[in-house]
Amino acid sequence: MSNEHKRTAEERIVTDVIGRKLKISEPNFMQKAEVTRLCGDDSTNVGYMYGFVMPCCWVTAIDDVPVPFPVTHREILGLMQRVGEEGVVAILPAMQELTDSKKVVESAKN
């Protein structure tokens, strides 16, 4: 699995409460699958995956410094520590907006 950021959705920049600029973009299908595999048994915990892991995996840069996509479980944990609660709180609403806008576009196609 490449740790290049070949994402499927638009990018957005959010600012967390400590002033960091977080560039986010939805991981592609294979990246999501790989994160799920790397999390093992923890991947069945929806709250953990969508409240902690996935928001962090949406981060492509922090303060314009690129963030490589995690390719090991240890890298996922390191990314979670780096993004922290402050980052996740800023990312979650933007994730929802981007996901909702994607649904609107898909429904308009049908």
Protein backbone atom coordinates (compact mmCIF):
# COMPACT_ATOMS: atom_id res chain seq x y z
CA MET A 1 0.00 0.00 0.00
CA SER A 2 1.45 3.31 -1.03
CA ASN A 3 1.44 6.11 1.49
CA GLU A 4 0.86 8.67 -1.26
CA HIS A 5 -2.22 10.82 -0.82
CA LYS A 6 -4.27 9.87 -3.87
CA ARG A 7 -7.61 10.91 -2.48
CA THR A 8 -11.02 10.67 -4.05
CA ALA A 9 -12.57 13.87 -2.69
CA GLU A 10 -11.87 17.56 -2.50
CA GLU A 11 -9.48 18.96 0.08
CA ARG A 12 -10.44 21.36 2.83
CA ILE A 13 -8.42 23.22 5.47
CA VAL A 14 -9.70 23.44 9.02
CA THR A 15 -8.16 25.24 11.98
CA ASP A 16 -8.16 23.60 15.39
CA VAL A 17 -8.39 25.41 18.73
CA ILE A 18 -4.61 25.54 19.11
CA GLY A 19 -4.26 27.29 15.75
CA ARG A 20 -2.99 24.45 13.57
CA LYS A 21 -4.12 24.39 9.94
CA LEU A 22 -5.14 20.83 9.07
CA LYS A 23 -5.57 19.95 5.41
CA ILE A 24 -8.03 17.09 5.09
CA SER A 25 -9.37 14.91 2.32
CA GLU A 26 -11.33 11.68 2.34
CA PRO A 27 -9.14 8.60 1.91
CA ASN A 28 -9.91 6.49 -1.14
CA PHE A 29 -11.62 3.10 -0.92
CA MET A 30 -8.39 1.10 -0.69
CA GLN A 31 -6.91 3.37 1.97
CA LYS A 32 -10.05 2.95 4.10
CA ALA A 33 -9.89 -0.81 3.64
CA GLU A 34 -6.22 -0.89 4.65
CA VAL A 35 -6.84 1.18 7.80
CA THR A 36 -9.67 -1.18 8.74
CA ARG A 37 -7.36 -4.17 8.26
CA LEU A 38 -4.56 -2.55 10.26
CA CYS A 39 -6.91 -1.86 13.19
CA GLY A 40 -7.78 -5.56 13.41
CA ASP A 41 -10.40 -6.40 16.02
CA ASP A 42 -10.70 -2.71 16.95
CA SER A 43 -12.16 -2.05 13.50
CA THR A 44 -15.50 -3.50 14.66
CA ASN A 45 -15.84 -0.62 17.14
CA VAL A 46 -17.65 1.99 15.03
CA GLY A 47 -17.25 4.75 17.62
CA TYR A 48 -13.50 4.22 17.77
CA MET A 49 -13.07 4.01 14.01
CA TYR A 50 -15.23 7.03 13.09
CA GLY A 51 -14.61 9.13 16.18
CA PHE A 52 -10.85 8.67 16.45
CA VAL A 53 -9.09 6.71 13.70
CA MET A 54 -10.73 7.89 10.47
CA PRO A 55 -10.70 11.62 11.27
CA CYS A 56 -6.95 11.37 11.75
CA CYS A 57 -6.55 9.39 8.53
CA TRP A 58 -8.24 12.25 6.62
CA VAL A 59 -5.29 14.56 7.48
CA THR A 60 -2.94 15.17 4.56
CA ALA A 61 -0.97 18.09 6.04
CA ILE A 62 -0.54 19.97 9.31
CA ASP A 63 0.55 23.59 8.94
CA ASP A 64 1.53 22.87 5.31
CA VAL A 65 3.78 19.96 6.33
CA PRO A 66 2.65 16.83 4.46
CA VAL A 67 1.40 13.94 6.58
CA PRO A 68 2.01 10.52 5.01
CA PHE A 69 -0.89 8.10 5.04
CA PRO A 70 -0.34 5.50 7.79
CA VAL A 71 0.67 2.04 6.59
CA THR A 72 1.12 0.33 9.96
CA HIS A 73 -0.95 0.19 13.13
CA ARG A 74 1.85 1.98 14.97
CA GLU A 75 1.69 4.82 12.41
CA ILE A 76 -2.07 5.09 12.93
CA LEU A 77 -1.53 5.46 16.68
CA GLY A 78 1.25 8.01 16.09
CA LEU A 79 -1.00 10.01 13.78
CA MET A 80 -3.81 9.93 16.34
CA GLN A 81 -1.41 11.26 18.97
CA ARG A 82 -0.16 13.97 16.62
CA VAL A 83 -3.64 15.13 15.53
CA GLY A 84 -5.03 14.85 19.05
CA GLU A 85 -8.42 15.74 20.39
CA GLU A 86 -8.07 19.35 19.25
CA GLY A 87 -7.60 18.24 15.66
CA VAL A 88 -10.37 15.64 15.71
CA VAL A 89 -12.86 18.19 17.07
CA ALA A 90 -12.05 20.47 14.13
CA ILE A 91 -12.05 17.65 11.55
CA LEU A 92 -15.34 15.90 12.41
CA PRO A 93 -17.71 18.69 11.24
CA ALA A 94 -15.74 19.15 8.02
CA MET A 95 -15.84 15.39 7.38
CA GLN A 96 -19.60 15.49 7.77
CA GLU A 97 -19.93 18.44 5.38
CA LEU A 98 -17.74 16.82 2.74
CA THR A 99 -19.55 13.50 3.07
CA ASP A 100 -22.97 15.19 2.88
CA SER A 101 -21.98 17.22 -0.20
CA LYS A 102 -20.74 14.03 -1.88
CA LYS A 103 -24.12 12.39 -1.20
CA VAL A 104 -25.94 15.38 -2.74
CA VAL A 105 -23.80 15.18 -5.87
CA GLU A 106 -24.36 11.42 -6.17
CA SER A 107 -28.14 11.75 -5.75
CA ALA A 108 -28.24 14.51 -8.36
CA LYS A 109 -26.58 12.16 -10.85
CA ASN A 110 -29.37 9.62 -10.41
